[in-house]
Amino acid sequence: MFRRVRPTRDKAPPGVPRALSGFFAQGRLTAIPVRPAVRRELLSHLTDSFFDLDRSYSEREVNDAFRTVHDDTSALRRYCVESGLLVRDRDGSSYRRVSGLAETTGTG
């Protein structure tokens, strides 16, 4: 008889919510969730983990941060902007993380 093997918990980086751990393998994001609610949860986790509220980031800095978990940095960046988690300057030169208050009130 074979014993059921439990999946290891080391496939997701520390601090990743359990509901999102299935999207990671060896510390890397293996897929961007298709379901909007799950994608939003993932993007929120990433922006909270990578970006401070009190500073602006160049596109290169945003790409470098996202590249630590996934190679499609432009998709992650675009989804974060579309979700209202990051705000991009009009000229595209810098990005800022949006505070939770702006997210809920829509004043971001």
PDB file of N, CA and C in Angstrom:
ATOM      1  N   MET A   1       0.844  -1.181   0.000  1.00  0.00           N
ATOM      2  CA  MET A   1       0.000   0.000   0.000  1.00  0.00           C
ATOM      3  C   MET A   1       0.889   1.244   0.000  1.00  0.00           C
ATOM      4  N   PHE A   2       0.480   2.235  -0.764  1.00  0.00           N
ATOM      5  CA  PHE A   2       1.250   3.471  -0.842  1.00  0.00           C
ATOM      6  C   PHE A   2       0.698   4.505   0.119  1.00  0.00           C
ATOM      7  N   ARG A   3       1.607   5.242   0.677  1.00  0.00           N
ATOM      8  CA  ARG A   3       1.218   6.310   1.578  1.00  0.00           C
ATOM      9  C   ARG A   3       1.070   7.591   0.778  1.00  0.00           C
ATOM     10  N   ARG A   4       0.034   8.346   1.057  1.00  0.00           N
ATOM     11  CA  ARG A   4      -0.182   9.629   0.378  1.00  0.00           C
ATOM     12  C   ARG A   4       0.882  10.623   0.842  1.00  0.00           C
ATOM     13  N   VAL A   5       1.529  11.228  -0.116  1.00  0.00           N
ATOM     14  CA  VAL A   5       2.571  12.202   0.204  1.00  0.00           C
ATOM     15  C   VAL A   5       1.951  13.586   0.259  1.00  0.00           C
ATOM     16  N   ARG A   6       2.226  14.282   1.335  1.00  0.00           N
ATOM     17  CA  ARG A   6       1.725  15.654   1.463  1.00  0.00           C
ATOM     18  C   ARG A   6       2.646  16.598   0.713  1.00  0.00           C
ATOM     19  N   PRO A   7       2.062  17.576   0.038  1.00  0.00           N
ATOM     20  CA  PRO A   7       2.911  18.540  -0.657  1.00  0.00           C
ATOM     21  C   PRO A   7       3.751  19.331   0.346  1.00  0.00           C
ATOM     22  N   THR A   8       4.945  19.665  -0.065  1.00  0.00           N
ATOM     23  CA  THR A   8       5.806  20.448   0.811  1.00  0.00           C
ATOM     24  C   THR A   8       5.342  21.891   0.796  1.00  0.00           C
ATOM     25  N   ARG A   9       5.595  22.568   1.889  1.00  0.00           N
ATOM     26  CA  ARG A   9       5.182  23.960   1.994  1.00  0.00           C
ATOM     27  C   ARG A   9       6.278  24.917   1.561  1.00  0.00           C
ATOM     28  N   ASP A  10       7.403  24.397   1.094  1.00  0.00           N
ATOM     29  CA  ASP A  10       8.509  25.280   0.737  1.00  0.00           C
ATOM     30  C   ASP A  10       8.441  25.738  -0.718  1.00  0.00           C
ATOM     31  N   LYS A  11       7.353  25.441  -1.419  1.00  0.00           N
ATOM     32  CA  LYS A  11       7.280  25.838  -2.817  1.00  0.00           C
ATOM     33  C   LYS A  11       6.937  27.313  -2.987  1.00  0.00           C
ATOM     34  N   ALA A  12       6.275  27.918  -2.022  1.00  0.00           N
ATOM     35  CA  ALA A  12       5.948  29.338  -2.075  1.00  0.00           C
ATOM     36  C   ALA A  12       6.873  30.113  -1.151  1.00  0.00           C
ATOM     37  N   PRO A  13       7.193  31.353  -1.503  1.00  0.00           N
ATOM     38  CA  PRO A  13       8.027  32.169  -0.617  1.00  0.00           C
ATOM     39  C   PRO A  13       7.322  32.381   0.722  1.00  0.00           C
ATOM     40  N   PRO A  14       8.082  32.649   1.779  1.00  0.00           N
ATOM     41  CA  PRO A  14       7.473  32.908   3.083  1.00  0.00           C
ATOM     42  C   PRO A  14       6.505  34.081   3.006  1.00  0.00           C
ATOM     43  N   GLY A  15       5.409  33.979   3.719  1.00  0.00           N
ATOM     44  CA  GLY A  15       4.442  35.066   3.770  1.00  0.00           C
ATOM     45  C   GLY A  15       3.364  35.008   2.705  1.00  0.00           C
ATOM     46  N   VAL A  16       3.462  34.080   1.769  1.00  0.00           N
ATOM     47  CA  VAL A  16       2.438  33.950   0.731  1.00  0.00           C
ATOM     48  C   VAL A  16       1.199  33.320   1.364  1.00  0.00           C
ATOM     49  N   PRO A  17       0.034  33.950   1.184  1.00  0.00           N
ATOM     50  CA  PRO A  17      -1.187  33.357   1.740  1.00  0.00           C
ATOM     51  C   PRO A  17      -1.391  31.935   1.222  1.00  0.00           C
ATOM     52  N   ARG A  18      -1.915  31.097   2.076  1.00  0.00           N
ATOM     53  CA  ARG A  18      -2.086  29.679   1.729  1.00  0.00           C
ATOM     54  C   ARG A  18      -2.908  29.491   0.446  1.00  0.00           C
ATOM     55  N   ALA A  19      -3.918  30.327   0.243  1.00  0.00           N
ATOM     56  CA  ALA A  19      -4.769  30.214  -0.950  1.00  0.00           C
ATOM     57  C   ALA A  19      -3.991  30.467  -2.238  1.00  0.00           C
ATOM     58  N   LEU A  20      -2.851  31.144  -2.134  1.00  0.00           N
ATOM     59  CA  LEU A  20      -2.051  31.463  -3.320  1.00  0.00           C
ATOM     60  C   LEU A  20      -0.855  30.541  -3.492  1.00  0.00           C
ATOM     61  N   SER A  21      -0.576  29.703  -2.526  1.00  0.00           N
ATOM     62  CA  SER A  21       0.646  28.890  -2.569  1.00  0.00           C
ATOM     63  C   SER A  21       0.687  27.940  -3.764  1.00  0.00           C
ATOM     64  N   GLY A  22      -0.460  27.543  -4.271  1.00  0.00           N
ATOM     65  CA  GLY A  22      -0.505  26.648  -5.426  1.00  0.00           C
ATOM     66  C   GLY A  22      -0.019  27.292  -6.715  1.00  0.00           C
ATOM     67  N   PHE A  23       0.117  28.606  -6.718  1.00  0.00           N
ATOM     68  CA  PHE A  23       0.609  29.314  -7.901  1.00  0.00           C
ATOM     69  C   PHE A  23       2.125  29.465  -7.901  1.00  0.00           C
ATOM     70  N   PHE A  24       2.780  28.915  -6.886  1.00  0.00           N
ATOM     71  CA  PHE A  24       4.225  29.039  -6.755  1.00  0.00           C
ATOM     72  C   PHE A  24       4.894  27.673  -6.769  1.00  0.00           C
ATOM     73  N   ALA A  25       6.103  27.629  -7.294  1.00  0.00           N
ATOM     74  CA  ALA A  25       6.960  26.445  -7.220  1.00  0.00           C
ATOM     75  C   ALA A  25       8.386  26.944  -7.077  1.00  0.00           C
ATOM     76  N   GLN A  26       9.087  26.433  -6.095  1.00  0.00           N
ATOM     77  CA  GLN A  26      10.473  26.812  -5.825  1.00  0.00           C
ATOM     78  C   GLN A  26      10.625  28.326  -5.704  1.00  0.00           C
ATOM     79  N   GLY A  27       9.647  28.964  -5.058  1.00  0.00           N
ATOM     80  CA  GLY A  27       9.718  30.390  -4.808  1.00  0.00           C
ATOM     81  C   GLY A  27       9.340  31.279  -5.974  1.00  0.00           C
ATOM     82  N   ARG A  28       8.953  30.687  -7.094  1.00  0.00           N
ATOM     83  CA  ARG A  28       8.613  31.462  -8.295  1.00  0.00           C
ATOM     84  C   ARG A  28       7.132  31.294  -8.611  1.00  0.00           C
ATOM     85  N   LEU A  29       6.549  32.346  -9.128  1.00  0.00           N
ATOM     86  CA  LEU A  29       5.169  32.310  -9.584  1.00  0.00           C
ATOM     87  C   LEU A  29       5.122  31.531 -10.888  1.00  0.00           C
ATOM     88  N   THR A  30       4.334  30.459 -10.918  1.00  0.00           N
ATOM     89  CA  THR A  30       4.295  29.609 -12.106  1.00  0.00           C
ATOM     90  C   THR A  30       3.204  30.023 -13.073  1.00  0.00           C
ATOM     91  N   ALA A  31       2.185  30.722 -12.587  1.00  0.00           N
ATOM     92  CA  ALA A  31       1.094  31.185 -13.443  1.00  0.00           C
ATOM     93  C   ALA A  31       0.422  32.378 -12.785  1.00  0.00           C
ATOM     94  N   ILE A  32      -0.070  33.280 -13.614  1.00  0.00           N
ATOM     95  CA  ILE A  32      -0.859  34.405 -13.114  1.00  0.00           C
ATOM     96  C   ILE A  32      -2.313  33.946 -13.120  1.00  0.00           C
ATOM     97  N   PRO A  33      -2.983  34.020 -11.979  1.00  0.00           N
ATOM     98  CA  PRO A  33      -4.360  33.520 -11.907  1.00  0.00           C
ATOM     99  C   PRO A  33      -5.276  34.176 -12.944  1.00  0.00           C
ATOM    100  N   VAL A  34      -6.186  33.392 -13.484  1.00  0.00           N
ATOM    101  CA  VAL A  34      -7.144  33.880 -14.469  1.00  0.00           C
ATOM    102  C   VAL A  34      -8.347  34.516 -13.768  1.00  0.00           C
ATOM    103  N   ARG A  35      -8.802  33.895 -12.696  1.00  0.00           N
ATOM    104  CA  ARG A  35      -9.965  34.431 -11.965  1.00  0.00           C
ATOM    105  C   ARG A  35      -9.614  35.783 -11.363  1.00  0.00           C
ATOM    106  N   PRO A  36     -10.409  36.813 -11.660  1.00  0.00           N
ATOM    107  CA  PRO A  36     -10.084  38.170 -11.200  1.00  0.00           C
ATOM    108  C   PRO A  36      -9.893  38.304  -9.694  1.00  0.00           C
ATOM    109  N   ALA A  37     -10.722  37.654  -8.893  1.00  0.00           N
ATOM    110  CA  ALA A  37     -10.600  37.778  -7.436  1.00  0.00           C
ATOM    111  C   ALA A  37      -9.288  37.179  -6.939  1.00  0.00           C
ATOM    112  N   VAL A  38      -8.906  36.049  -7.491  1.00  0.00           N
ATOM    113  CA  VAL A  38      -7.655  35.401  -7.084  1.00  0.00           C
ATOM    114  C   VAL A  38      -6.462  36.214  -7.593  1.00  0.00           C
ATOM    115  N   ARG A  39      -6.554  36.700  -8.832  1.00  0.00           N
ATOM    116  CA  ARG A  39      -5.481  37.539  -9.371  1.00  0.00           C
ATOM    117  C   ARG A  39      -5.300  38.783  -8.513  1.00  0.00           C
ATOM    118  N   ARG A  40      -6.406  39.403  -8.120  1.00  0.00           N
ATOM    119  CA  ARG A  40      -6.350  40.610  -7.284  1.00  0.00           C
ATOM    120  C   ARG A  40      -5.668  40.297  -5.952  1.00  0.00           C
ATOM    121  N   GLU A  41      -6.003  39.152  -5.362  1.00  0.00           N
ATOM    122  CA  GLU A  41      -5.368  38.769  -4.094  1.00  0.00           C
ATOM    123  C   GLU A  41      -3.858  38.590  -4.273  1.00  0.00           C
ATOM    124  N   LEU A  42      -3.465  37.951  -5.355  1.00  0.00           N
ATOM    125  CA  LEU A  42      -2.040  37.767  -5.639  1.00  0.00           C
ATOM    126  C   LEU A  42      -1.350  39.102  -5.851  1.00  0.00           C
ATOM    127  N   LEU A  43      -1.934  39.957  -6.678  1.00  0.00           N
ATOM    128  CA  LEU A  43      -1.321  41.257  -6.969  1.00  0.00           C
ATOM    129  C   LEU A  43      -1.223  42.117  -5.716  1.00  0.00           C
ATOM    130  N   SER A  44      -2.240  42.057  -4.889  1.00  0.00           N
ATOM    131  CA  SER A  44      -2.220  42.799  -3.629  1.00  0.00           C
ATOM    132  C   SER A  44      -1.089  42.303  -2.736  1.00  0.00           C
ATOM    133  N   HIS A  45      -0.937  40.986  -2.674  1.00  0.00           N
ATOM    134  CA  HIS A  45       0.165  40.420  -1.888  1.00  0.00           C
ATOM    135  C   HIS A  45       1.520  40.889  -2.429  1.00  0.00           C
ATOM    136  N   LEU A  46       1.688  40.851  -3.751  1.00  0.00           N
ATOM    137  CA  LEU A  46       2.966  41.254  -4.347  1.00  0.00           C
ATOM    138  C   LEU A  46       3.253  42.726  -4.122  1.00  0.00           C
ATOM    139  N   THR A  47       2.264  43.587  -4.346  1.00  0.00           N
ATOM    140  CA  THR A  47       2.516  45.022  -4.159  1.00  0.00           C
ATOM    141  C   THR A  47       2.787  45.345  -2.696  1.00  0.00           C
ATOM    142  N   ASP A  48       2.077  44.702  -1.781  1.00  0.00           N
ATOM    143  CA  ASP A  48       2.344  44.911  -0.354  1.00  0.00           C
ATOM    144  C   ASP A  48       3.744  44.438   0.024  1.00  0.00           C
ATOM    145  N   SER A  49       4.196  43.366  -0.617  1.00  0.00           N
ATOM    146  CA  SER A  49       5.507  42.802  -0.293  1.00  0.00           C
ATOM    147  C   SER A  49       6.662  43.601  -0.890  1.00  0.00           C
ATOM    148  N   PHE A  50       6.468  44.135  -2.090  1.00  0.00           N
ATOM    149  CA  PHE A  50       7.577  44.744  -2.823  1.00  0.00           C
ATOM    150  C   PHE A  50       7.680  46.262  -2.716  1.00  0.00           C
ATOM    151  N   PHE A  51       6.566  46.951  -2.483  1.00  0.00           N
ATOM    152  CA  PHE A  51       6.580  48.406  -2.626  1.00  0.00           C
ATOM    153  C   PHE A  51       6.103  49.123  -1.374  1.00  0.00           C
ATOM    154  N   ASP A  52       6.846  50.165  -0.988  1.00  0.00           N
ATOM    155  CA  ASP A  52       6.466  51.018   0.136  1.00  0.00           C
ATOM    156  C   ASP A  52       5.460  52.055  -0.333  1.00  0.00           C
ATOM    157  N   LEU A  53       4.619  52.502   0.570  1.00  0.00           N
ATOM    158  CA  LEU A  53       3.615  53.505   0.232  1.00  0.00           C
ATOM    159  C   LEU A  53       4.221  54.896   0.019  1.00  0.00           C
ATOM    160  N   ASP A  54       5.315  55.182   0.683  1.00  0.00           N
ATOM    161  CA  ASP A  54       5.822  56.552   0.717  1.00  0.00           C
ATOM    162  C   ASP A  54       6.901  56.867  -0.317  1.00  0.00           C
ATOM    163  N   ARG A  55       6.978  56.111  -1.393  1.00  0.00           N
ATOM    164  CA  ARG A  55       7.965  56.438  -2.414  1.00  0.00           C
ATOM    165  C   ARG A  55       7.500  56.030  -3.796  1.00  0.00           C
ATOM    166  N   SER A  56       8.138  56.638  -4.791  1.00  0.00           N
ATOM    167  CA  SER A  56       7.878  56.312  -6.195  1.00  0.00           C
ATOM    168  C   SER A  56       8.953  55.357  -6.676  1.00  0.00           C
ATOM    169  N   TYR A  57       8.603  54.556  -7.670  1.00  0.00           N
ATOM    170  CA  TYR A  57       9.516  53.568  -8.239  1.00  0.00           C
ATOM    171  C   TYR A  57       9.597  53.767  -9.745  1.00  0.00           C
ATOM    172  N   SER A  58      10.790  53.653 -10.278  1.00  0.00           N
ATOM    173  CA  SER A  58      10.945  53.701 -11.730  1.00  0.00           C
ATOM    174  C   SER A  58      10.395  52.397 -12.317  1.00  0.00           C
ATOM    175  N   GLU A  59      10.152  52.409 -13.615  1.00  0.00           N
ATOM    176  CA  GLU A  59       9.677  51.189 -14.267  1.00  0.00           C
ATOM    177  C   GLU A  59      10.690  50.067 -14.106  1.00  0.00           C
ATOM    178  N   ARG A  60      11.949  50.414 -14.166  1.00  0.00           N
ATOM    179  CA  ARG A  60      12.998  49.402 -13.994  1.00  0.00           C
ATOM    180  C   ARG A  60      12.942  48.775 -12.600  1.00  0.00           C
ATOM    181  N   GLU A  61      12.722  49.596 -11.571  1.00  0.00           N
ATOM    182  CA  GLU A  61      12.628  49.070 -10.211  1.00  0.00           C
ATOM    183  C   GLU A  61      11.415  48.149 -10.058  1.00  0.00           C
ATOM    184  N   VAL A  62      10.294  48.538 -10.658  1.00  0.00           N
ATOM    185  CA  VAL A  62       9.093  47.702 -10.607  1.00  0.00           C
ATOM    186  C   VAL A  62       9.366  46.375 -11.312  1.00  0.00           C
ATOM    187  N   ASN A  63       9.979  46.444 -12.491  1.00  0.00           N
ATOM    188  CA  ASN A  63      10.307  45.224 -13.234  1.00  0.00           C
ATOM    189  C   ASN A  63      11.255  44.333 -12.444  1.00  0.00           C
ATOM    190  N   ASP A  64      12.278  44.926 -11.848  1.00  0.00           N
ATOM    191  CA  ASP A  64      13.246  44.142 -11.060  1.00  0.00           C
ATOM    192  C   ASP A  64      12.563  43.434  -9.895  1.00  0.00           C
ATOM    193  N   ALA A  65      11.627  44.117  -9.238  1.00  0.00           N
ATOM    194  CA  ALA A  65      10.914  43.510  -8.119  1.00  0.00           C
ATOM    195  C   ALA A  65      10.051  42.341  -8.604  1.00  0.00           C
ATOM    196  N   PHE A  66       9.279  42.561  -9.650  1.00  0.00           N
ATOM    197  CA  PHE A  66       8.418  41.497 -10.165  1.00  0.00           C
ATOM    198  C   PHE A  66       9.220  40.335 -10.752  1.00  0.00           C
ATOM    199  N   ARG A  67      10.368  40.633 -11.325  1.00  0.00           N
ATOM    200  CA  ARG A  67      11.194  39.578 -11.936  1.00  0.00           C
ATOM    201  C   ARG A  67      11.693  38.580 -10.891  1.00  0.00           C
ATOM    202  N   THR A  68      11.702  38.960  -9.626  1.00  0.00           N
ATOM    203  CA  THR A  68      12.130  38.017  -8.588  1.00  0.00           C
ATOM    204  C   THR A  68      11.160  36.855  -8.445  1.00  0.00           C
ATOM    205  N   VAL A  69       9.914  37.041  -8.937  1.00  0.00           N
ATOM    206  CA  VAL A  69       8.927  35.959  -8.838  1.00  0.00           C
ATOM    207  C   VAL A  69       8.385  35.486 -10.185  1.00  0.00           C
ATOM    208  N   HIS A  70       8.497  36.309 -11.247  1.00  0.00           N
ATOM    209  CA  HIS A  70       7.909  35.920 -12.536  1.00  0.00           C
ATOM    210  C   HIS A  70       8.587  36.709 -13.655  1.00  0.00           C
ATOM    211  N   ASP A  71       8.732  36.077 -14.820  1.00  0.00           N
ATOM    212  CA  ASP A  71       9.414  36.731 -15.939  1.00  0.00           C
ATOM    213  C   ASP A  71       8.535  37.708 -16.720  1.00  0.00           C
ATOM    214  N   ASP A  72       7.216  37.561 -16.668  1.00  0.00           N
ATOM    215  CA  ASP A  72       6.336  38.459 -17.417  1.00  0.00           C
ATOM    216  C   ASP A  72       6.035  39.700 -16.576  1.00  0.00           C
ATOM    217  N   THR A  73       7.046  40.546 -16.461  1.00  0.00           N
ATOM    218  CA  THR A  73       6.918  41.742 -15.619  1.00  0.00           C
ATOM    219  C   THR A  73       5.901  42.728 -16.179  1.00  0.00           C
ATOM    220  N   SER A  74       5.806  42.820 -17.493  1.00  0.00           N
ATOM    221  CA  SER A  74       4.857  43.781 -18.077  1.00  0.00           C
ATOM    222  C   SER A  74       3.415  43.393 -17.755  1.00  0.00           C
ATOM    223  N   ALA A  75       3.110  42.109 -17.746  1.00  0.00           N
ATOM    224  CA  ALA A  75       1.754  41.669 -17.399  1.00  0.00           C
ATOM    225  C   ALA A  75       1.451  41.982 -15.935  1.00  0.00           C
ATOM    226  N   LEU A  76       2.379  41.676 -15.050  1.00  0.00           N
ATOM    227  CA  LEU A  76       2.158  41.971 -13.631  1.00  0.00           C
ATOM    228  C   LEU A  76       1.996  43.462 -13.407  1.00  0.00           C
ATOM    229  N   ARG A  77       2.825  44.267 -14.046  1.00  0.00           N
ATOM    230  CA  ARG A  77       2.750  45.726 -13.929  1.00  0.00           C
ATOM    231  C   ARG A  77       1.394  46.229 -14.436  1.00  0.00           C
ATOM    232  N   ARG A  78       0.996  45.766 -15.611  1.00  0.00           N
ATOM    233  CA  ARG A  78      -0.277  46.191 -16.210  1.00  0.00           C
ATOM    234  C   ARG A  78      -1.457  45.791 -15.322  1.00  0.00           C
ATOM    235  N   TYR A  79      -1.472  44.546 -14.835  1.00  0.00           N
ATOM    236  CA  TYR A  79      -2.560  44.107 -13.971  1.00  0.00           C
ATOM    237  C   TYR A  79      -2.625  44.943 -12.688  1.00  0.00           C
ATOM    238  N   CYS A  80      -1.472  45.294 -12.136  1.00  0.00           N
ATOM    239  CA  CYS A  80      -1.464  46.110 -10.911  1.00  0.00           C
ATOM    240  C   CYS A  80      -2.029  47.502 -11.173  1.00  0.00           C
ATOM    241  N   VAL A  81      -1.692  48.082 -12.312  1.00  0.00           N
ATOM    242  CA  VAL A  81      -2.224  49.401 -12.662  1.00  0.00           C
ATOM    243  C   VAL A  81      -3.729  49.300 -12.917  1.00  0.00           C
ATOM    244  N   GLU A  82      -4.151  48.302 -13.685  1.00  0.00           N
ATOM    245  CA  GLU A  82      -5.576  48.121 -13.981  1.00  0.00           C
ATOM    246  C   GLU A  82      -6.389  47.856 -12.722  1.00  0.00           C
ATOM    247  N   SER A  83      -5.790  47.177 -11.752  1.00  0.00           N
ATOM    248  CA  SER A  83      -6.481  46.858 -10.497  1.00  0.00           C
ATOM    249  C   SER A  83      -6.463  48.018  -9.510  1.00  0.00           C
ATOM    250  N   GLY A  84      -5.727  49.062  -9.824  1.00  0.00           N
ATOM    251  CA  GLY A  84      -5.650  50.205  -8.930  1.00  0.00           C
ATOM    252  C   GLY A  84      -4.690  50.020  -7.775  1.00  0.00           C
ATOM    253  N   LEU A  85      -3.821  49.025  -7.864  1.00  0.00           N
ATOM    254  CA  LEU A  85      -2.843  48.788  -6.793  1.00  0.00           C
ATOM    255  C   LEU A  85      -1.584  49.615  -6.980  1.00  0.00           C
ATOM    256  N   LEU A  86      -1.261  49.924  -8.225  1.00  0.00           N
ATOM    257  CA  LEU A  86      -0.162  50.830  -8.554  1.00  0.00           C
ATOM    258  C   LEU A  86      -0.724  51.942  -9.431  1.00  0.00           C
ATOM    259  N   VAL A  87      -0.194  53.139  -9.244  1.00  0.00           N
ATOM    260  CA  VAL A  87      -0.561  54.279 -10.074  1.00  0.00           C
ATOM    261  C   VAL A  87       0.669  54.661 -10.871  1.00  0.00           C
ATOM    262  N   ARG A  88       0.472  54.829 -12.173  1.00  0.00           N
ATOM    263  CA  ARG A  88       1.579  55.199 -13.063  1.00  0.00           C
ATOM    264  C   ARG A  88       1.450  56.675 -13.407  1.00  0.00           C
ATOM    265  N   ASP A  89       2.582  57.395 -13.391  1.00  0.00           N
ATOM    266  CA  ASP A  89       2.576  58.783 -13.835  1.00  0.00           C
ATOM    267  C   ASP A  89       2.167  58.848 -15.295  1.00  0.00           C
ATOM    268  N   ARG A  90       1.637  59.981 -15.703  1.00  0.00           N
ATOM    269  CA  ARG A  90       1.172  60.127 -17.090  1.00  0.00           C
ATOM    270  C   ARG A  90       2.241  59.797 -18.109  1.00  0.00           C
ATOM    271  N   ASP A  91       3.462  60.206 -17.831  1.00  0.00           N
ATOM    272  CA  ASP A  91       4.541  59.952 -18.797  1.00  0.00           C
ATOM    273  C   ASP A  91       5.124  58.548 -18.659  1.00  0.00           C
ATOM    274  N   GLY A  92       4.606  57.761 -17.711  1.00  0.00           N
ATOM    275  CA  GLY A  92       5.059  56.386 -17.534  1.00  0.00           C
ATOM    276  C   GLY A  92       6.410  56.256 -16.866  1.00  0.00           C
ATOM    277  N   SER A  93       6.927  57.350 -16.309  1.00  0.00           N
ATOM    278  CA  SER A  93       8.277  57.317 -15.754  1.00  0.00           C
ATOM    279  C   SER A  93       8.350  56.741 -14.348  1.00  0.00           C
ATOM    280  N   SER A  94       7.240  56.768 -13.614  1.00  0.00           N
ATOM    281  CA  SER A  94       7.299  56.227 -12.259  1.00  0.00           C
ATOM    282  C   SER A  94       5.952  55.650 -11.833  1.00  0.00           C
ATOM    283  N   TYR A  95       6.035  54.809 -10.801  1.00  0.00           N
ATOM    284  CA  TYR A  95       4.878  54.101 -10.250  1.00  0.00           C
ATOM    285  C   TYR A  95       4.858  54.295  -8.751  1.00  0.00           C
ATOM    286  N   ARG A  96       3.658  54.316  -8.181  1.00  0.00           N
ATOM    287  CA  ARG A  96       3.496  54.386  -6.739  1.00  0.00           C
ATOM    288  C   ARG A  96       2.455  53.374  -6.300  1.00  0.00           C
ATOM    289  N   ARG A  97       2.682  52.791  -5.136  1.00  0.00           N
ATOM    290  CA  ARG A  97       1.679  51.891  -4.549  1.00  0.00           C
ATOM    291  C   ARG A  97       0.567  52.749  -3.967  1.00  0.00           C
ATOM    292  N   VAL A  98      -0.660  52.298  -4.145  1.00  0.00           N
ATOM    293  CA  VAL A  98      -1.828  53.023  -3.658  1.00  0.00           C
ATOM    294  C   VAL A  98      -2.154  52.535  -2.255  1.00  0.00           C
ATOM    295  N   SER A  99      -2.490  53.474  -1.375  1.00  0.00           N
ATOM    296  CA  SER A  99      -2.840  53.082  -0.006  1.00  0.00           C
ATOM    297  C   SER A  99      -4.173  52.365   0.002  1.00  0.00           C
ATOM    298  N   GLY A 100      -4.400  51.565   1.034  1.00  0.00           N
ATOM    299  CA  GLY A 100      -5.652  50.820   1.176  1.00  0.00           C
ATOM    300  C   GLY A 100      -6.861  51.725   1.207  1.00  0.00           C
ATOM    301  N   LEU A 101      -6.745  52.923   1.794  1.00  0.00           N
ATOM    302  CA  LEU A 101      -7.857  53.860   1.879  1.00  0.00           C
ATOM    303  C   LEU A 101      -8.293  54.308   0.490  1.00  0.00           C
ATOM    304  N   ALA A 102      -7.320  54.635  -0.368  1.00  0.00           N
ATOM    305  CA  ALA A 102      -7.645  55.063  -1.730  1.00  0.00           C
ATOM    306  C   ALA A 102      -8.301  53.933  -2.510  1.00  0.00           C
ATOM    307  N   GLU A 103      -7.875  52.686  -2.249  1.00  0.00           N
ATOM    308  CA  GLU A 103      -8.455  51.546  -2.946  1.00  0.00           C
ATOM    309  C   GLU A 103      -9.938  51.398  -2.631  1.00  0.00           C
ATOM    310  N   THR A 104     -10.299  51.588  -1.373  1.00  0.00           N
ATOM    311  CA  THR A 104     -11.681  51.345  -0.986  1.00  0.00           C
ATOM    312  C   THR A 104     -12.573  52.526  -1.294  1.00  0.00           C
ATOM    313  N   THR A 105     -12.020  53.737  -1.330  1.00  0.00           N
ATOM    314  CA  THR A 105     -12.859  54.905  -1.578  1.00  0.00           C
ATOM    315  C   THR A 105     -12.874  55.295  -3.039  1.00  0.00           C
ATOM    316  N   GLY A 106     -11.924  54.767  -3.809  1.00  0.00           N
ATOM    317  CA  GLY A 106     -11.869  55.098  -5.222  1.00  0.00           C
ATOM    318  C   GLY A 106     -11.283  56.464  -5.489  1.00  0.00           C
ATOM    319  N   THR A 107     -10.573  57.047  -4.500  1.00  0.00           N
ATOM    320  CA  THR A 107     -10.004  58.380  -4.673  1.00  0.00           C
ATOM    321  C   THR A 107      -8.537  58.333  -5.051  1.00  0.00           C
ATOM    322  N   GLY A 108      -7.977  57.139  -5.326  1.00  0.00           N
ATOM    323  CA  GLY A 108      -6.562  56.913  -5.564  1.00  0.00           C
ATOM    324  C   GLY A 108      -6.004  57.709  -6.616  1.00  0.00           C
TER     325      GLY A 108
END
